[in-house]
Amino acid sequence: MPYEAEPMDEVDPVCKMEVDPEQAHDLGLETEHGGVRYVFCSKACRAAFVAEPARYAGVEERPAL
């Protein structure tokens, strides 16, 4: 049987908690900003990000050109 890697967790940009992206998607705990998809651990973190995306979508998270 071939090895199947576990999906990689992503990091909530608000609280820095690891988040399962599939579960975040299923619960509606994701949003897009600047062409990048972000996932969240809770509705509160998603709401904080949506209210102030520039505060949490830091330069270090953008892909290099």
Protein backbone atom coordinates (compact mmCIF):
# COMPACT_ATOMS: atom_id res chain seq x y z
CA MET A 1 0.00 0.00 0.00
CA PRO A 2 1.48 3.41 -0.96
CA TYR A 3 2.29 5.93 1.73
CA GLU A 4 -0.23 8.76 2.02
CA ALA A 5 1.06 11.85 3.78
CA GLU A 6 -1.17 13.62 6.23
CA PRO A 7 -2.34 17.04 5.02
CA MET A 8 -0.15 19.82 6.33
CA ASP A 9 -1.68 22.13 8.90
CA GLU A 10 -1.69 25.84 8.20
CA VAL A 11 -1.27 28.64 10.73
CA ASP A 12 -4.03 31.03 11.80
CA PRO A 13 -2.59 34.51 11.06
CA VAL A 14 -4.36 36.03 14.08
CA CYS A 15 -3.47 33.69 16.97
CA LYS A 16 -0.73 31.61 15.25
CA MET A 17 -2.48 28.35 16.12
CA GLU A 18 -2.10 25.38 13.74
CA VAL A 19 -5.30 24.76 11.78
CA ASP A 20 -6.43 21.80 9.66
CA PRO A 21 -7.26 23.50 6.33
CA GLU A 22 -9.91 20.93 5.39
CA GLN A 23 -11.72 21.37 8.69
CA ALA A 24 -11.46 25.18 8.42
CA HIS A 25 -12.99 24.97 4.95
CA ASP A 26 -15.82 22.72 6.12
CA LEU A 27 -16.61 25.13 8.99
CA GLY A 28 -16.40 28.27 6.86
CA LEU A 29 -13.33 29.47 8.76
CA GLU A 30 -11.40 30.80 5.79
CA THR A 31 -11.16 33.94 3.71
CA GLU A 32 -9.08 35.35 0.89
CA HIS A 33 -7.06 38.56 0.93
CA GLY A 34 -4.67 39.78 -1.74
CA GLY A 35 -5.01 36.53 -3.66
CA VAL A 36 -3.96 34.45 -0.64
CA ARG A 37 -6.28 32.08 1.23
CA TYR A 38 -6.17 32.25 5.02
CA VAL A 39 -7.64 29.73 7.47
CA PHE A 40 -8.69 30.33 11.08
CA CYS A 41 -9.20 28.36 14.27
CA SER A 42 -12.41 30.17 15.22
CA LYS A 43 -15.06 32.65 14.10
CA ALA A 44 -13.49 35.26 16.39
CA CYS A 45 -10.10 35.01 14.68
CA ARG A 46 -11.71 35.14 11.23
CA ALA A 47 -13.73 38.22 12.26
CA ALA A 48 -10.59 39.94 13.60
CA PHE A 49 -8.77 39.28 10.32
CA VAL A 50 -11.68 40.46 8.15
CA ALA A 51 -11.90 43.68 10.21
CA GLU A 52 -8.15 44.43 9.86
CA PRO A 53 -6.54 42.24 7.19
CA ALA A 54 -3.48 44.49 6.79
CA ARG A 55 -2.66 43.98 10.47
CA TYR A 56 -2.48 40.18 10.13
CA ALA A 57 -1.51 39.58 6.48
CA GLY A 58 2.11 40.50 7.14
CA VAL A 59 4.87 40.94 4.61
CA GLU A 60 6.59 37.76 5.81
CA GLU A 61 3.61 35.69 4.65
CA ARG A 62 3.65 36.95 1.06
CA PRO A 63 5.41 34.81 -1.55
CA ALA A 64 8.79 36.09 -2.78
CA LEU A 65 8.94 37.48 -6.30
